[in-house]
Amino acid sequence: MVMMQTNRMALGEKALDLEATLHCGQVFHWTPQGQGHFGALGNEAAYVEHDPSKNVLIFAGASVETVSNYLGINDPLNDVISTFPTEDAHLTAAMAYTPGLRICRQPPWECLATFITSSLKQVPHIRQMSLTLRERFGRKRSLGGLTMHDYPGPERLAEAGEERLRDCGLGFRAKSLARAASRVASGEFSLDFDGLDDDEARAKLCQLYGVGEKIANCVLLFGYARFAAFPIDVWVERVLRHLYAPRGRKRRWPAREMQAFAAKHFGPYAGYAQQYLFHYARHHDKVLFGAR
């Protein structure tokens, strides 16, 4: 590990799977470094590491409050789990696979912009686009001899424009990102959802060009800790169809009905259930879905 001044936070009985939390498809820019991970917490370079033998979080570049909030350290996982249906063997297996997976609190603009670029892309491609946007339009940040770039704000991406964003490998997503950046930068579209319930906030997000229900739910869950939000992407749709579909409806289960099922079945912390299932499915696809 590069030499830097680190702090330590004892987690006590709080479970944490740092590897899964940072690399399970909710955030895309963290890079393995030594025994930990190097990335950004908002505009500042940061290093995080977990010592499971002592259940201690080691970190640098940010305050204990910032790190705790970003990693969802204070989310009451036992209370979360207690709201899930106990007879759901699939979810039980997914939780057992990564019992310390937590939902991050990303800066709202960074979260929105990243998931706008995620459309029809797999995790490695989303990561590459995120890193490219950071390197070309973000500001360089340093910590302990390591350097990275923060995520460019809406003003920088609005100024860059659609063509320069397209040159970052965004393809058709460049238009959506450029339009969102312009609306947020100009103040026409506010990312302050205080006073709005989940349905109202989701509907507002869907007013942005290129933002549908899946992206809106990702933003609500990973940018605002709206834990009832349940994003349904390709992986989660496959999980629902194969493991939860009503008899005889595996191929004929409308998306709206899947969304309603998820809300009722998984409850107020459905977003946590989604992330457990998403991560588990990506690592056990042949077991769950058979050879393709």
Protein backbone atom coordinates (compact mmCIF):
# COMPACT_ATOMS: atom_id res chain seq x y z
CA MET A 1 0.00 0.00 0.00
CA VAL A 2 1.16 3.53 -0.78
CA MET A 3 2.11 5.36 2.41
CA MET A 4 -0.62 7.64 3.67
CA GLN A 5 -2.09 8.74 6.98
CA THR A 6 -5.01 6.44 7.74
CA ASN A 7 -7.78 6.36 10.30
CA ARG A 8 -9.56 3.36 11.76
CA MET A 9 -13.17 2.74 12.63
CA ALA A 10 -14.19 -0.31 14.66
CA LEU A 11 -17.42 -1.74 13.26
CA GLY A 12 -18.31 -3.93 16.23
CA GLU A 13 -21.20 -6.20 15.23
CA LYS A 14 -21.85 -4.38 11.94
CA ALA A 15 -21.27 -6.62 8.93
CA LEU A 16 -19.42 -5.23 5.92
CA ASP A 17 -18.39 -6.81 2.64
CA LEU A 18 -16.39 -3.93 1.19
CA GLU A 19 -15.44 -5.77 -2.02
CA ALA A 20 -19.06 -6.57 -2.85
CA THR A 21 -20.29 -3.11 -1.86
CA LEU A 22 -17.86 -1.28 -4.15
CA HIS A 23 -17.94 -3.73 -7.08
CA CYS A 24 -21.50 -5.08 -7.22
CA GLY A 25 -22.81 -2.73 -9.89
CA GLN A 26 -24.03 0.25 -7.88
CA VAL A 27 -20.85 2.34 -8.18
CA PHE A 28 -18.21 1.95 -10.87
CA HIS A 29 -14.97 3.87 -10.32
CA TRP A 30 -13.23 2.23 -7.35
CA THR A 31 -9.91 0.54 -8.11
CA PRO A 32 -8.21 -2.18 -6.03
CA GLN A 33 -5.12 -0.77 -4.33
CA GLY A 34 -3.03 -2.92 -2.00
CA GLN A 35 -5.37 -4.46 0.55
CA GLY A 36 -8.07 -1.88 -0.12
CA HIS A 37 -9.64 0.34 -2.76
CA PHE A 38 -8.83 3.79 -4.12
CA GLY A 39 -11.47 6.09 -5.54
CA ALA A 40 -13.48 9.18 -4.71
CA LEU A 41 -15.98 10.22 -2.10
CA GLY A 42 -17.63 13.09 -3.91
CA ASN A 43 -14.89 15.53 -4.88
CA GLU A 44 -12.13 14.08 -2.72
CA ALA A 45 -9.74 11.20 -3.36
CA ALA A 46 -10.17 8.46 -0.78
CA TYR A 47 -8.80 5.10 0.27
CA VAL A 48 -10.87 2.45 2.06
CA GLU A 49 -9.89 -0.97 3.39
CA HIS A 50 -11.62 -3.53 5.57
CA ASP A 51 -9.81 -5.80 8.01
CA PRO A 52 -12.32 -8.65 8.52
CA SER A 53 -10.24 -10.32 11.25
CA LYS A 54 -10.83 -7.32 13.52
CA ASN A 55 -13.87 -5.93 11.68
CA VAL A 56 -12.16 -2.58 11.33
CA LEU A 57 -12.57 -0.10 8.49
CA ILE A 58 -9.31 1.64 7.53
CA PHE A 59 -9.67 4.85 5.52
CA ALA A 60 -7.93 8.02 4.38
CA GLY A 61 -8.87 11.21 2.57
CA ALA A 62 -12.29 11.67 4.17
CA SER A 63 -13.90 12.06 7.57
CA VAL A 64 -15.42 9.19 9.50
CA GLU A 65 -18.87 10.72 8.93
CA THR A 66 -18.35 10.90 5.16
CA VAL A 67 -17.05 7.33 4.93
CA SER A 68 -19.80 5.95 7.18
CA ASN A 69 -22.51 7.69 5.20
CA TYR A 70 -21.14 6.71 1.79
CA LEU A 71 -20.82 3.04 2.68
CA GLY A 72 -24.13 2.86 4.54
CA ILE A 73 -22.34 1.65 7.66
CA ASN A 74 -25.21 2.64 9.92
CA ASP A 75 -27.92 0.93 7.89
CA PRO A 76 -29.54 -1.53 10.34
CA LEU A 77 -29.02 -4.68 8.30
CA ASN A 78 -30.68 -6.91 10.89
CA ASP A 79 -33.77 -4.72 10.78
CA VAL A 80 -33.65 -4.69 6.99
CA ILE A 81 -33.49 -8.48 6.83
CA SER A 82 -36.31 -8.82 9.34
CA THR A 83 -38.69 -7.18 6.85
CA PHE A 84 -38.07 -9.79 4.14
CA PRO A 85 -40.28 -12.87 3.69
CA THR A 86 -38.72 -15.69 5.69
CA GLU A 87 -39.93 -18.36 3.26
CA ASP A 88 -38.02 -16.86 0.32
CA ALA A 89 -35.20 -19.39 -0.18
CA HIS A 90 -33.77 -17.52 -3.17
CA LEU A 91 -33.31 -14.27 -1.26
CA THR A 92 -31.98 -16.15 1.76
CA ALA A 93 -29.29 -17.74 -0.41
CA ALA A 94 -28.41 -14.37 -1.94
CA MET A 95 -28.05 -12.73 1.47
CA ALA A 96 -25.93 -15.61 2.74
CA TYR A 97 -23.55 -15.11 -0.19
CA THR A 98 -22.76 -11.50 0.77
CA PRO A 99 -24.22 -10.74 4.22
CA GLY A 100 -22.20 -7.53 4.51
CA LEU A 101 -23.27 -5.95 1.22
CA ARG A 102 -24.40 -2.37 1.76
CA ILE A 103 -26.00 0.29 -0.41
CA CYS A 104 -23.82 3.34 -1.01
CA ARG A 105 -24.97 6.96 -0.87
CA GLN A 106 -23.54 8.45 -4.04
CA PRO A 107 -23.65 12.17 -4.85
CA PRO A 108 -26.97 12.59 -6.69
CA TRP A 109 -25.58 14.15 -9.88
CA GLU A 110 -22.79 11.57 -10.14
CA CYS A 111 -25.34 8.80 -9.63
CA LEU A 112 -27.80 10.19 -12.18
CA ALA A 113 -25.15 10.80 -14.82
CA THR A 114 -23.54 7.40 -14.34
CA PHE A 115 -26.80 5.51 -14.69
CA ILE A 116 -27.79 7.55 -17.73
CA THR A 117 -24.65 6.14 -19.35
CA SER A 118 -25.47 2.63 -18.12
CA SER A 119 -28.32 2.02 -20.57
CA LEU A 120 -27.88 -1.34 -22.36
CA LYS A 121 -24.33 -1.68 -21.04
CA GLN A 122 -22.65 -4.22 -18.78
CA VAL A 123 -20.73 -3.28 -15.62
CA PRO A 124 -17.22 -3.24 -17.20
CA HIS A 125 -18.42 -0.93 -19.99
CA ILE A 126 -20.16 1.41 -17.55
CA ARG A 127 -16.97 1.55 -15.50
CA GLN A 128 -14.88 2.41 -18.55
CA MET A 129 -17.22 5.24 -19.54
CA SER A 130 -17.20 6.59 -15.98
CA LEU A 131 -13.40 6.58 -15.82
CA THR A 132 -13.10 8.20 -19.25
CA LEU A 133 -15.50 11.01 -18.33
CA ARG A 134 -13.57 11.55 -15.10
CA GLU A 135 -10.20 11.68 -16.84
CA ARG A 136 -11.32 14.05 -19.60
CA PHE A 137 -13.58 16.42 -17.70
CA GLY A 138 -13.03 15.86 -13.98
CA ARG A 139 -10.49 17.48 -11.72
CA LYS A 140 -7.37 15.62 -10.66
CA ARG A 141 -7.24 14.65 -7.00
CA SER A 142 -4.26 13.19 -5.13
CA LEU A 143 -3.81 11.15 -1.98
CA GLY A 144 -0.64 9.48 -0.72
CA GLY A 145 1.02 9.63 -4.13
CA LEU A 146 -2.05 8.22 -5.91
CA THR A 147 -4.07 10.30 -8.34
CA MET A 148 -7.56 10.06 -9.79
CA HIS A 149 -10.24 12.40 -11.10
CA ASP A 150 -13.54 13.35 -9.51
CA TYR A 151 -16.78 13.01 -11.46
CA PRO A 152 -17.40 16.12 -13.58
CA GLY A 153 -20.28 18.29 -12.46
CA PRO A 154 -23.21 19.15 -14.73
CA GLU A 155 -21.66 22.49 -15.70
CA ARG A 156 -18.54 20.79 -17.07
CA LEU A 157 -20.48 18.19 -19.03
CA ALA A 158 -22.95 20.76 -20.36
CA GLU A 159 -20.01 22.83 -21.59
CA ALA A 160 -18.41 19.74 -23.16
CA GLY A 161 -21.48 19.10 -25.28
CA GLU A 162 -22.87 16.02 -26.97
CA GLU A 163 -20.13 15.45 -29.55
CA ARG A 164 -17.28 15.49 -27.05
CA LEU A 165 -19.27 13.16 -24.78
CA ARG A 166 -19.84 10.84 -27.72
CA ASP A 167 -16.06 10.72 -28.17
CA CYS A 168 -15.88 9.16 -24.69
CA GLY A 169 -17.55 6.02 -26.03
CA LEU A 170 -21.06 6.92 -24.85
CA GLY A 171 -22.75 6.39 -28.20
CA PHE A 172 -26.44 7.36 -28.14
CA ARG A 173 -26.17 7.95 -24.38
CA ALA A 174 -24.19 11.15 -25.05
CA LYS A 175 -27.36 12.97 -26.07
CA SER A 176 -29.16 11.98 -22.87
CA LEU A 177 -26.22 12.96 -20.65
CA ALA A 178 -25.67 16.29 -22.44
CA ARG A 179 -29.35 17.23 -22.12
CA ALA A 180 -29.51 16.25 -18.44
CA ALA A 181 -26.31 18.18 -17.69
CA SER A 182 -27.66 21.29 -19.41
CA ARG A 183 -30.96 21.20 -17.53
CA VAL A 184 -29.31 20.65 -14.15
CA ALA A 185 -26.54 23.20 -14.76
CA SER A 186 -29.01 25.88 -15.81
CA GLY A 187 -31.18 25.31 -12.74
CA GLU A 188 -34.13 24.26 -14.89
CA PHE A 189 -34.09 20.81 -13.25
CA SER A 190 -33.45 20.50 -9.52
CA LEU A 191 -32.04 17.37 -7.92
CA ASP A 192 -33.56 18.35 -4.58
CA PHE A 193 -36.40 15.88 -3.99
CA ASP A 194 -37.19 16.89 -0.42
CA GLY A 195 -40.91 16.86 0.07
CA LEU A 196 -41.50 14.42 -2.78
CA ASP A 197 -42.49 10.84 -2.14
CA ASP A 198 -40.88 8.04 -4.15
CA ASP A 199 -43.52 8.05 -6.88
CA GLU A 200 -43.29 11.81 -7.31
CA ALA A 201 -39.47 11.77 -7.36
CA ARG A 202 -39.48 8.89 -9.86
CA ALA A 203 -41.92 10.73 -12.13
CA LYS A 204 -39.78 13.86 -11.96
CA LEU A 205 -36.63 11.96 -12.93
CA CYS A 206 -38.46 10.39 -15.87
CA GLN A 207 -39.00 13.90 -17.25
CA LEU A 208 -35.32 13.89 -18.23
CA TYR A 209 -34.54 12.77 -21.76
CA GLY A 210 -33.33 9.17 -21.79
CA VAL A 211 -34.39 8.42 -18.21
CA GLY A 212 -36.93 5.63 -17.76
CA GLU A 213 -38.20 3.83 -14.70
CA LYS A 214 -35.16 1.57 -14.32
CA ILE A 215 -32.66 4.44 -14.32
CA ALA A 216 -34.92 6.53 -12.09
CA ASN A 217 -35.11 3.71 -9.54
CA CYS A 218 -31.32 3.32 -9.60
CA VAL A 219 -30.95 7.03 -8.84
CA LEU A 220 -33.51 6.90 -6.03
CA LEU A 221 -31.85 3.85 -4.47
CA PHE A 222 -28.15 4.63 -4.91
CA GLY A 223 -28.27 8.43 -4.85
CA TYR A 224 -31.01 9.13 -2.31
CA ALA A 225 -31.19 5.95 -0.17
CA ARG A 226 -34.85 5.50 -1.10
CA PHE A 227 -34.76 1.84 -0.11
CA ALA A 228 -38.19 0.94 -1.49
CA ALA A 229 -36.93 1.61 -5.04
CA PHE A 230 -36.43 -1.64 -6.95
CA PRO A 231 -34.53 -1.24 -10.25
CA ILE A 232 -35.32 -3.99 -12.75
CA ASP A 233 -32.46 -4.44 -15.21
CA VAL A 234 -31.71 -7.47 -17.41
CA TRP A 235 -30.29 -9.49 -14.50
CA VAL A 236 -33.08 -8.74 -12.06
CA GLU A 237 -35.75 -9.32 -14.69
CA ARG A 238 -34.19 -12.73 -15.33
CA VAL A 239 -34.23 -13.48 -11.61
CA LEU A 240 -37.88 -12.48 -11.28
CA ARG A 241 -39.00 -14.42 -14.36
CA HIS A 242 -37.10 -17.59 -13.52
CA LEU A 243 -37.56 -17.69 -9.77
CA TYR A 244 -40.68 -15.69 -8.89
CA ALA A 245 -43.02 -15.64 -11.90
CA PRO A 246 -46.58 -16.93 -11.36
CA ARG A 247 -47.11 -20.40 -12.75
CA GLY A 248 -47.25 -20.37 -16.53
CA ARG A 249 -46.30 -16.69 -16.82
CA LYS A 250 -42.50 -16.85 -16.97
CA ARG A 251 -42.50 -15.43 -20.51
CA ARG A 252 -45.66 -13.36 -20.17
CA TRP A 253 -45.18 -11.35 -17.00
CA PRO A 254 -45.52 -7.62 -17.76
CA ALA A 255 -42.92 -5.27 -16.30
CA ARG A 256 -45.55 -3.32 -14.33
CA GLU A 257 -46.72 -6.51 -12.66
CA MET A 258 -43.14 -7.48 -11.82
CA GLN A 259 -42.61 -4.07 -10.23
CA ALA A 260 -45.81 -4.40 -8.19
CA PHE A 261 -44.81 -7.90 -7.09
CA ALA A 262 -41.39 -6.71 -5.95
CA ALA A 263 -42.87 -3.89 -3.87
CA LYS A 264 -45.35 -6.22 -2.16
CA HIS A 265 -43.08 -9.25 -1.77
CA PHE A 266 -39.85 -7.54 -0.64
CA GLY A 267 -41.39 -4.63 1.25
CA PRO A 268 -39.96 -1.28 2.39
CA TYR A 269 -36.34 -2.37 1.86
CA ALA A 270 -36.95 -3.88 -1.58
CA GLY A 271 -33.87 -2.07 -2.89
CA TYR A 272 -31.63 -4.05 -0.57
CA ALA A 273 -33.28 -7.27 -1.75
CA GLN A 274 -32.67 -6.18 -5.34
CA GLN A 275 -28.98 -5.67 -4.73
CA TYR A 276 -28.56 -9.00 -2.95
CA LEU A 277 -30.30 -10.79 -5.81
CA PHE A 278 -28.48 -8.84 -8.53
CA HIS A 279 -25.05 -9.59 -7.09
CA TYR A 280 -25.88 -13.24 -6.42
CA ALA A 281 -27.31 -13.78 -9.92
CA ARG A 282 -24.23 -12.36 -11.66
CA HIS A 283 -22.03 -14.87 -9.84
CA HIS A 284 -24.37 -17.88 -9.99
CA ASP A 285 -26.05 -17.49 -13.36
CA LYS A 286 -25.46 -21.08 -14.52
CA VAL A 287 -26.84 -22.47 -11.26
CA LEU A 288 -29.89 -20.23 -11.30
CA PHE A 289 -30.72 -20.15 -15.00
CA GLY A 290 -28.96 -23.18 -16.48
CA ALA A 291 -26.54 -23.21 -19.43
CA ARG A 292 -27.34 -20.68 -22.14
